[in-house]
Amino acid sequence: MNIDLSQFWPDLTINKGKIFDPIRKKWYVVQPEELVRQCMIQYITKFLKWNPQFIAIEKSIAIGTQIKRFDLVLYNIHHRPILLIECKAPDQHLNDKVLEQAIWYNYELAAPYLMLSNGQDHQLYQVDNANKTYEILEQWPTMTQNHK
């Protein structure tokens, strides 16, 4: 999947080693994974035109007996998860371990799409939650906030 997140660098607000998250309205320490997350937020809101009200960032979910935090989830207007995005630092490869992490998170959320991104490489999957299978996609599906 070809997405150029670098085009959103000028839209980031960085000052004194911190980056401003426009959705959470807070400053965070600049870390490689946070830069990827913030560029992805810019992509989602500016390119996909997703309403920021329907984006959750770093929220806790229970996975078995453990509490984990997902990176990003896009919701539809009915507040059902549509897309779970797992962000990694640019030097981290998008391997089976990263995919497995996203799949575990999605067992709880049951979003029909998963995305992995390290800011340079991106993998998008369509998920059949009933059968617990997934298929890699080469392009964005038709996905809107009205998605059922």
N, C-alpha and C. Protein backbone atom coordinates (compact mmCIF):
# COMPACT_ATOMS: atom_id res chain seq x y z
N MET A 1 0.86 -1.17 0.00
CA MET A 1 0.00 0.00 0.00
C MET A 1 0.90 1.23 0.00
N ASN A 2 0.62 2.16 -0.86
CA ASN A 2 1.47 3.32 -1.03
C ASN A 2 0.83 4.57 -0.40
N ILE A 3 1.36 4.97 0.75
CA ILE A 3 0.92 6.19 1.41
C ILE A 3 2.18 6.97 1.74
N ASP A 4 2.20 8.24 1.39
CA ASP A 4 3.35 9.08 1.70
C ASP A 4 3.03 9.96 2.90
N LEU A 5 3.40 9.48 4.08
CA LEU A 5 3.12 10.25 5.29
C LEU A 5 4.02 11.47 5.43
N SER A 6 5.15 11.48 4.72
CA SER A 6 6.08 12.61 4.83
C SER A 6 5.44 13.92 4.37
N GLN A 7 4.43 13.85 3.53
CA GLN A 7 3.76 15.06 3.07
C GLN A 7 3.06 15.79 4.22
N PHE A 8 2.86 15.10 5.34
CA PHE A 8 2.16 15.70 6.47
C PHE A 8 3.10 16.26 7.53
N TRP A 9 4.43 16.12 7.32
CA TRP A 9 5.40 16.70 8.26
C TRP A 9 5.14 18.18 8.50
N PRO A 10 4.89 18.98 7.45
CA PRO A 10 4.66 20.42 7.69
C PRO A 10 3.44 20.71 8.56
N ASP A 11 2.51 19.76 8.65
CA ASP A 11 1.30 19.96 9.45
C ASP A 11 1.50 19.66 10.93
N LEU A 12 2.63 19.06 11.28
CA LEU A 12 2.89 18.71 12.68
C LEU A 12 3.38 19.94 13.44
N THR A 13 2.96 20.06 14.69
CA THR A 13 3.41 21.15 15.54
C THR A 13 4.40 20.57 16.55
N ILE A 14 5.67 20.89 16.35
CA ILE A 14 6.73 20.38 17.21
C ILE A 14 7.46 21.58 17.81
N ASN A 15 7.68 21.51 19.13
CA ASN A 15 8.35 22.60 19.82
C ASN A 15 9.06 22.05 21.06
N LYS A 16 10.34 22.34 21.16
CA LYS A 16 11.14 21.97 22.33
C LYS A 16 11.04 20.49 22.67
N GLY A 17 11.17 19.65 21.65
CA GLY A 17 11.16 18.21 21.88
C GLY A 17 9.80 17.60 22.15
N LYS A 18 8.75 18.39 21.93
CA LYS A 18 7.38 17.87 22.12
C LYS A 18 6.57 18.09 20.85
N ILE A 19 5.57 17.23 20.69
CA ILE A 19 4.69 17.30 19.53
C ILE A 19 3.25 17.44 20.03
N PHE A 20 2.49 18.30 19.35
CA PHE A 20 1.11 18.55 19.77
C PHE A 20 0.17 17.60 19.06
N ASP A 21 -0.67 16.94 19.84
CA ASP A 21 -1.70 16.06 19.29
C ASP A 21 -2.97 16.89 19.16
N PRO A 22 -3.43 17.15 17.93
CA PRO A 22 -4.61 18.02 17.74
C PRO A 22 -5.93 17.40 18.18
N ILE A 23 -5.97 16.10 18.35
CA ILE A 23 -7.21 15.46 18.79
C ILE A 23 -7.28 15.40 20.31
N ARG A 24 -6.20 14.98 20.93
CA ARG A 24 -6.19 14.90 22.40
C ARG A 24 -5.90 16.26 23.03
N LYS A 25 -5.47 17.21 22.20
CA LYS A 25 -5.18 18.59 22.66
C LYS A 25 -4.11 18.60 23.77
N LYS A 26 -3.07 17.79 23.57
CA LYS A 26 -1.97 17.70 24.53
C LYS A 26 -0.64 17.62 23.80
N TRP A 27 0.41 17.97 24.53
CA TRP A 27 1.78 17.85 24.02
C TRP A 27 2.37 16.53 24.49
N TYR A 28 3.10 15.85 23.61
CA TYR A 28 3.74 14.58 23.92
C TYR A 28 5.21 14.66 23.52
N VAL A 29 6.03 13.92 24.24
CA VAL A 29 7.46 13.86 23.92
C VAL A 29 7.62 13.28 22.51
N VAL A 30 8.48 13.89 21.73
CA VAL A 30 8.73 13.40 20.38
C VAL A 30 9.46 12.06 20.47
N GLN A 31 8.79 11.03 20.03
CA GLN A 31 9.34 9.68 19.93
C GLN A 31 9.05 9.21 18.51
N PRO A 32 9.86 8.30 17.97
CA PRO A 32 9.62 7.84 16.59
C PRO A 32 8.19 7.32 16.36
N GLU A 33 7.69 6.51 17.29
CA GLU A 33 6.33 5.98 17.12
C GLU A 33 5.28 7.09 17.20
N GLU A 34 5.51 8.07 18.05
CA GLU A 34 4.56 9.19 18.18
C GLU A 34 4.54 10.02 16.89
N LEU A 35 5.69 10.18 16.25
CA LEU A 35 5.74 10.90 14.96
C LEU A 35 4.92 10.16 13.91
N VAL A 36 5.05 8.85 13.87
CA VAL A 36 4.26 8.06 12.92
C VAL A 36 2.77 8.22 13.23
N ARG A 37 2.41 8.11 14.51
CA ARG A 37 1.00 8.24 14.91
C ARG A 37 0.45 9.61 14.51
N GLN A 38 1.22 10.67 14.74
CA GLN A 38 0.74 12.01 14.42
C GLN A 38 0.63 12.23 12.91
N CYS A 39 1.56 11.70 12.14
CA CYS A 39 1.45 11.79 10.67
C CYS A 39 0.23 11.01 10.19
N MET A 40 -0.02 9.86 10.81
CA MET A 40 -1.18 9.06 10.44
C MET A 40 -2.47 9.81 10.77
N ILE A 41 -2.51 10.50 11.90
CA ILE A 41 -3.68 11.30 12.26
C ILE A 41 -3.91 12.38 11.21
N GLN A 42 -2.85 13.02 10.76
CA GLN A 42 -2.98 14.04 9.71
C GLN A 42 -3.52 13.42 8.42
N TYR A 43 -3.00 12.25 8.06
CA TYR A 43 -3.47 11.55 6.86
C TYR A 43 -4.97 11.22 6.98
N ILE A 44 -5.35 10.70 8.12
CA ILE A 44 -6.75 10.28 8.33
C ILE A 44 -7.69 11.48 8.28
N THR A 45 -7.31 12.57 8.94
CA THR A 45 -8.21 13.73 9.00
C THR A 45 -8.17 14.57 7.73
N LYS A 46 -7.03 14.68 7.10
CA LYS A 46 -6.92 15.56 5.91
C LYS A 46 -7.16 14.83 4.60
N PHE A 47 -6.63 13.62 4.46
CA PHE A 47 -6.78 12.90 3.20
C PHE A 47 -8.07 12.09 3.19
N LEU A 48 -8.31 11.32 4.26
CA LEU A 48 -9.53 10.51 4.32
C LEU A 48 -10.74 11.33 4.75
N LYS A 49 -10.48 12.54 5.29
CA LYS A 49 -11.56 13.44 5.73
C LYS A 49 -12.38 12.81 6.87
N TRP A 50 -11.71 12.05 7.73
CA TRP A 50 -12.40 11.42 8.85
C TRP A 50 -12.58 12.45 9.95
N ASN A 51 -13.77 12.53 10.50
CA ASN A 51 -14.07 13.47 11.56
C ASN A 51 -13.27 13.08 12.81
N PRO A 52 -12.48 14.00 13.38
CA PRO A 52 -11.67 13.68 14.57
C PRO A 52 -12.50 13.16 15.75
N GLN A 53 -13.79 13.49 15.80
CA GLN A 53 -14.65 12.99 16.88
C GLN A 53 -14.78 11.47 16.86
N PHE A 54 -14.48 10.87 15.71
CA PHE A 54 -14.63 9.42 15.56
C PHE A 54 -13.28 8.72 15.48
N ILE A 55 -12.27 9.31 16.13
CA ILE A 55 -10.93 8.73 16.20
C ILE A 55 -10.56 8.58 17.67
N ALA A 56 -10.19 7.37 18.06
CA ALA A 56 -9.70 7.12 19.42
C ALA A 56 -8.20 6.89 19.35
N ILE A 57 -7.49 7.47 20.31
CA ILE A 57 -6.02 7.38 20.32
C ILE A 57 -5.57 6.82 21.67
N GLU A 58 -4.76 5.78 21.59
CA GLU A 58 -4.16 5.16 22.77
C GLU A 58 -5.15 4.92 23.91
N LYS A 59 -6.18 4.20 23.61
CA LYS A 59 -7.17 3.84 24.62
C LYS A 59 -6.88 2.43 25.14
N SER A 60 -7.22 2.20 26.39
CA SER A 60 -6.99 0.90 27.02
C SER A 60 -8.08 -0.09 26.62
N ILE A 61 -7.65 -1.35 26.41
CA ILE A 61 -8.58 -2.44 26.17
C ILE A 61 -8.08 -3.66 26.95
N ALA A 62 -9.01 -4.50 27.34
CA ALA A 62 -8.66 -5.73 28.06
C ALA A 62 -8.45 -6.85 27.04
N ILE A 63 -7.27 -7.46 27.11
CA ILE A 63 -6.95 -8.62 26.28
C ILE A 63 -6.71 -9.77 27.25
N GLY A 64 -7.72 -10.60 27.41
CA GLY A 64 -7.63 -11.63 28.44
C GLY A 64 -7.58 -10.95 29.80
N THR A 65 -6.52 -11.23 30.55
CA THR A 65 -6.35 -10.62 31.87
C THR A 65 -5.43 -9.40 31.83
N GLN A 66 -4.94 -9.05 30.65
CA GLN A 66 -4.02 -7.93 30.52
C GLN A 66 -4.73 -6.69 29.98
N ILE A 67 -4.23 -5.53 30.39
CA ILE A 67 -4.71 -4.27 29.85
C ILE A 67 -3.67 -3.77 28.85
N LYS A 68 -4.09 -3.52 27.62
CA LYS A 68 -3.21 -3.03 26.55
C LYS A 68 -3.77 -1.72 26.04
N ARG A 69 -2.96 -1.04 25.22
CA ARG A 69 -3.40 0.23 24.62
C ARG A 69 -3.21 0.15 23.11
N PHE A 70 -4.28 0.37 22.38
CA PHE A 70 -4.15 0.42 20.92
C PHE A 70 -3.69 1.82 20.51
N ASP A 71 -3.16 1.94 19.30
CA ASP A 71 -2.69 3.24 18.81
C ASP A 71 -3.84 4.10 18.32
N LEU A 72 -4.53 3.64 17.29
CA LEU A 72 -5.63 4.42 16.70
C LEU A 72 -6.77 3.49 16.32
N VAL A 73 -7.97 3.98 16.52
CA VAL A 73 -9.16 3.28 16.03
C VAL A 73 -10.08 4.32 15.42
N LEU A 74 -10.55 4.03 14.21
CA LEU A 74 -11.56 4.87 13.57
C LEU A 74 -12.92 4.22 13.82
N TYR A 75 -13.87 5.04 14.21
CA TYR A 75 -15.23 4.58 14.48
C TYR A 75 -16.18 5.15 13.45
N ASN A 76 -17.31 4.46 13.26
CA ASN A 76 -18.35 5.00 12.39
C ASN A 76 -19.29 5.86 13.22
N ILE A 77 -20.32 6.39 12.59
CA ILE A 77 -21.24 7.30 13.28
C ILE A 77 -22.07 6.57 14.35
N HIS A 78 -22.04 5.24 14.31
CA HIS A 78 -22.75 4.44 15.30
C HIS A 78 -21.79 4.00 16.42
N HIS A 79 -20.59 4.55 16.40
CA HIS A 79 -19.53 4.26 17.38
C HIS A 79 -19.09 2.80 17.36
N ARG A 80 -19.13 2.20 16.18
CA ARG A 80 -18.59 0.85 16.00
C ARG A 80 -17.20 0.99 15.37
N PRO A 81 -16.22 0.22 15.84
CA PRO A 81 -14.88 0.29 15.25
C PRO A 81 -14.89 -0.13 13.79
N ILE A 82 -14.20 0.65 12.96
CA ILE A 82 -14.09 0.35 11.54
C ILE A 82 -12.66 -0.08 11.19
N LEU A 83 -11.68 0.64 11.75
CA LEU A 83 -10.28 0.39 11.42
C LEU A 83 -9.41 0.53 12.66
N LEU A 84 -8.63 -0.49 12.94
CA LEU A 84 -7.63 -0.46 14.00
C LEU A 84 -6.28 -0.24 13.34
N ILE A 85 -5.54 0.76 13.80
CA ILE A 85 -4.22 1.07 13.23
C ILE A 85 -3.16 0.87 14.31
N GLU A 86 -2.19 0.04 14.02
CA GLU A 86 -1.06 -0.18 14.92
C GLU A 86 0.15 0.54 14.33
N CYS A 87 0.67 1.52 15.06
CA CYS A 87 1.82 2.31 14.61
C CYS A 87 3.09 1.82 15.28
N LYS A 88 4.16 1.77 14.52
CA LYS A 88 5.47 1.39 15.02
C LYS A 88 6.49 2.43 14.59
N ALA A 89 7.63 2.42 15.24
CA ALA A 89 8.73 3.32 14.87
C ALA A 89 9.22 2.95 13.48
N PRO A 90 9.76 3.92 12.74
CA PRO A 90 10.23 3.66 11.37
C PRO A 90 11.28 2.55 11.25
N ASP A 91 12.05 2.32 12.30
CA ASP A 91 13.08 1.28 12.21
C ASP A 91 12.56 -0.11 12.57
N GLN A 92 11.28 -0.21 12.91
CA GLN A 92 10.70 -1.51 13.26
C GLN A 92 9.99 -2.09 12.04
N HIS A 93 10.35 -3.31 11.70
CA HIS A 93 9.74 -3.98 10.55
C HIS A 93 8.32 -4.41 10.87
N LEU A 94 7.48 -4.37 9.86
CA LEU A 94 6.09 -4.83 10.01
C LEU A 94 6.08 -6.34 9.75
N ASN A 95 6.32 -7.08 10.81
CA ASN A 95 6.44 -8.53 10.69
C ASN A 95 5.22 -9.23 11.29
N ASP A 96 5.29 -10.55 11.38
CA ASP A 96 4.18 -11.33 11.91
C ASP A 96 3.88 -10.99 13.36
N LYS A 97 4.90 -10.62 14.12
CA LYS A 97 4.69 -10.27 15.54
C LYS A 97 3.82 -9.01 15.65
N VAL A 98 4.07 -8.03 14.79
CA VAL A 98 3.28 -6.79 14.79
C VAL A 98 1.85 -7.09 14.36
N LEU A 99 1.70 -7.91 13.33
CA LEU A 99 0.36 -8.30 12.88
C LEU A 99 -0.38 -9.05 13.97
N GLU A 100 0.31 -9.96 14.66
CA GLU A 100 -0.31 -10.72 15.73
C GLU A 100 -0.79 -9.79 16.85
N GLN A 101 0.00 -8.78 17.17
CA GLN A 101 -0.40 -7.81 18.19
C GLN A 101 -1.71 -7.13 17.79
N ALA A 102 -1.79 -6.67 16.55
CA ALA A 102 -3.00 -6.00 16.07
C ALA A 102 -4.19 -6.95 16.06
N ILE A 103 -3.95 -8.19 15.67
CA ILE A 103 -5.04 -9.19 15.65
C ILE A 103 -5.57 -9.42 17.06
N TRP A 104 -4.68 -9.52 18.04
CA TRP A 104 -5.13 -9.71 19.43
C TRP A 104 -5.97 -8.53 19.89
N TYR A 105 -5.52 -7.31 19.59
CA TYR A 105 -6.29 -6.14 19.95
C TYR A 105 -7.66 -6.17 19.29
N ASN A 106 -7.67 -6.64 18.06
CA ASN A 106 -8.93 -6.61 17.32
C ASN A 106 -9.91 -7.69 17.75
N TYR A 107 -9.45 -8.72 18.45
CA TYR A 107 -10.40 -9.70 18.99
C TYR A 107 -11.41 -9.00 19.88
N GLU A 108 -10.95 -8.01 20.61
CA GLU A 108 -11.84 -7.26 21.50
C GLU A 108 -12.68 -6.24 20.73
N LEU A 109 -12.06 -5.58 19.75
CA LEU A 109 -12.73 -4.49 19.03
C LEU A 109 -13.62 -4.96 17.88
N ALA A 110 -13.18 -6.00 17.18
CA ALA A 110 -13.90 -6.56 16.03
C ALA A 110 -14.08 -5.57 14.88
N ALA A 111 -13.05 -4.77 14.61
CA ALA A 111 -13.09 -3.87 13.46
C ALA A 111 -12.94 -4.70 12.18
N PRO A 112 -13.59 -4.31 11.10
CA PRO A 112 -13.48 -5.06 9.85
C PRO A 112 -12.17 -4.83 9.09
N TYR A 113 -11.37 -3.83 9.54
CA TYR A 113 -10.09 -3.55 8.89
C TYR A 113 -9.00 -3.34 9.94
N LEU A 114 -7.79 -3.78 9.59
CA LEU A 114 -6.59 -3.56 10.41
C LEU A 114 -5.54 -2.89 9.53
N MET A 115 -4.75 -2.03 10.13
CA MET A 115 -3.63 -1.43 9.40
C MET A 115 -2.40 -1.43 10.29
N LEU A 116 -1.27 -1.74 9.70
CA LEU A 116 0.02 -1.65 10.36
C LEU A 116 0.82 -0.58 9.64
N SER A 117 1.52 0.26 10.38
CA SER A 117 2.33 1.30 9.75
C SER A 117 3.56 1.61 10.59
N ASN A 118 4.70 1.75 9.91
CA ASN A 118 5.90 2.27 10.57
C ASN A 118 6.28 3.62 9.95
N GLY A 119 5.33 4.22 9.28
CA GLY A 119 5.54 5.52 8.66
C GLY A 119 6.07 5.43 7.24
N GLN A 120 6.71 4.33 6.91
CA GLN A 120 7.27 4.13 5.57
C GLN A 120 6.56 2.99 4.85
N ASP A 121 6.34 1.91 5.58
CA ASP A 121 5.62 0.75 5.06
C ASP A 121 4.26 0.70 5.74
N HIS A 122 3.26 0.26 4.96
CA HIS A 122 1.90 0.19 5.48
C HIS A 122 1.27 -1.10 4.96
N GLN A 123 0.58 -1.78 5.83
CA GLN A 123 -0.14 -2.99 5.44
C GLN A 123 -1.58 -2.85 5.92
N LEU A 124 -2.50 -3.07 5.02
CA LEU A 124 -3.92 -2.96 5.33
C LEU A 124 -4.56 -4.33 5.12
N TYR A 125 -5.40 -4.73 6.07
CA TYR A 125 -6.04 -6.04 6.03
C TYR A 125 -7.55 -5.89 6.19
N GLN A 126 -8.27 -6.74 5.48
CA GLN A 126 -9.70 -6.88 5.72
C GLN A 126 -9.87 -8.09 6.62
N VAL A 127 -10.70 -7.94 7.63
CA VAL A 127 -10.86 -8.98 8.64
C VAL A 127 -12.26 -9.58 8.57
N ASP A 128 -12.31 -10.89 8.59
CA ASP A 128 -13.57 -11.61 8.74
C ASP A 128 -13.59 -12.06 10.19
N ASN A 129 -14.22 -11.26 11.05
CA ASN A 129 -14.20 -11.53 12.48
C ASN A 129 -14.92 -12.81 12.85
N ALA A 130 -15.96 -13.17 12.12
CA ALA A 130 -16.71 -14.40 12.42
C ALA A 130 -15.84 -15.64 12.23
N ASN A 131 -15.03 -15.63 11.18
CA ASN A 131 -14.18 -16.79 10.88
C ASN A 131 -12.73 -16.61 11.34
N LYS A 132 -12.45 -15.45 11.94
CA LYS A 132 -11.10 -15.13 12.44
C LYS A 132 -10.04 -15.29 11.35
N THR A 133 -10.34 -14.70 10.17
CA THR A 133 -9.38 -14.69 9.07
C THR A 133 -9.15 -13.25 8.63
N TYR A 134 -8.07 -13.04 7.90
CA TYR A 134 -7.75 -11.71 7.40
C TYR A 134 -7.07 -11.85 6.04
N GLU A 135 -7.25 -10.80 5.23
CA GLU A 135 -6.71 -10.80 3.88
C GLU A 135 -6.07 -9.44 3.63
N ILE A 136 -4.84 -9.43 3.12
CA ILE A 136 -4.15 -8.18 2.86
C ILE A 136 -4.80 -7.48 1.67
N LEU A 137 -4.93 -6.16 1.77
CA LEU A 137 -5.52 -5.34 0.71
C LEU A 137 -4.42 -4.49 0.08
N GLU A 138 -4.55 -4.24 -1.19
CA GLU A 138 -3.57 -3.42 -1.92
C GLU A 138 -3.98 -1.95 -1.97
N GLN A 139 -5.24 -1.66 -1.70
CA GLN A 139 -5.71 -0.29 -1.73
C GLN A 139 -6.77 -0.07 -0.66
N TRP A 140 -7.02 1.18 -0.37
CA TRP A 140 -8.03 1.52 0.63
C TRP A 140 -9.38 1.02 0.18
N PRO A 141 -10.13 0.42 1.09
CA PRO A 141 -11.51 0.04 0.75
C PRO A 141 -12.39 1.29 0.76
N THR A 142 -13.58 1.15 0.24
CA THR A 142 -14.55 2.23 0.37
C THR A 142 -15.01 2.21 1.82
N MET A 143 -14.58 3.20 2.55
CA MET A 143 -14.81 3.21 3.98
C MET A 143 -15.16 4.64 4.38
N THR A 144 -16.33 4.80 4.97
CA THR A 144 -16.75 6.12 5.40
C THR A 144 -17.24 6.04 6.85
N GLN A 145 -17.48 7.16 7.43
CA GLN A 145 -18.01 7.19 8.79
C GLN A 145 -19.41 6.61 8.86
N ASN A 146 -20.07 6.52 7.71
CA ASN A 146 -21.40 5.92 7.66
C ASN A 146 -21.34 4.41 7.50
N HIS A 147 -20.12 3.87 7.38
CA HIS A 147 -19.90 2.43 7.19
C HIS A 147 -20.62 1.66 8.29
N LYS A 148 -21.31 0.60 7.92
CA LYS A 148 -22.10 -0.18 8.91
C LYS A 148 -21.23 -1.09 9.71
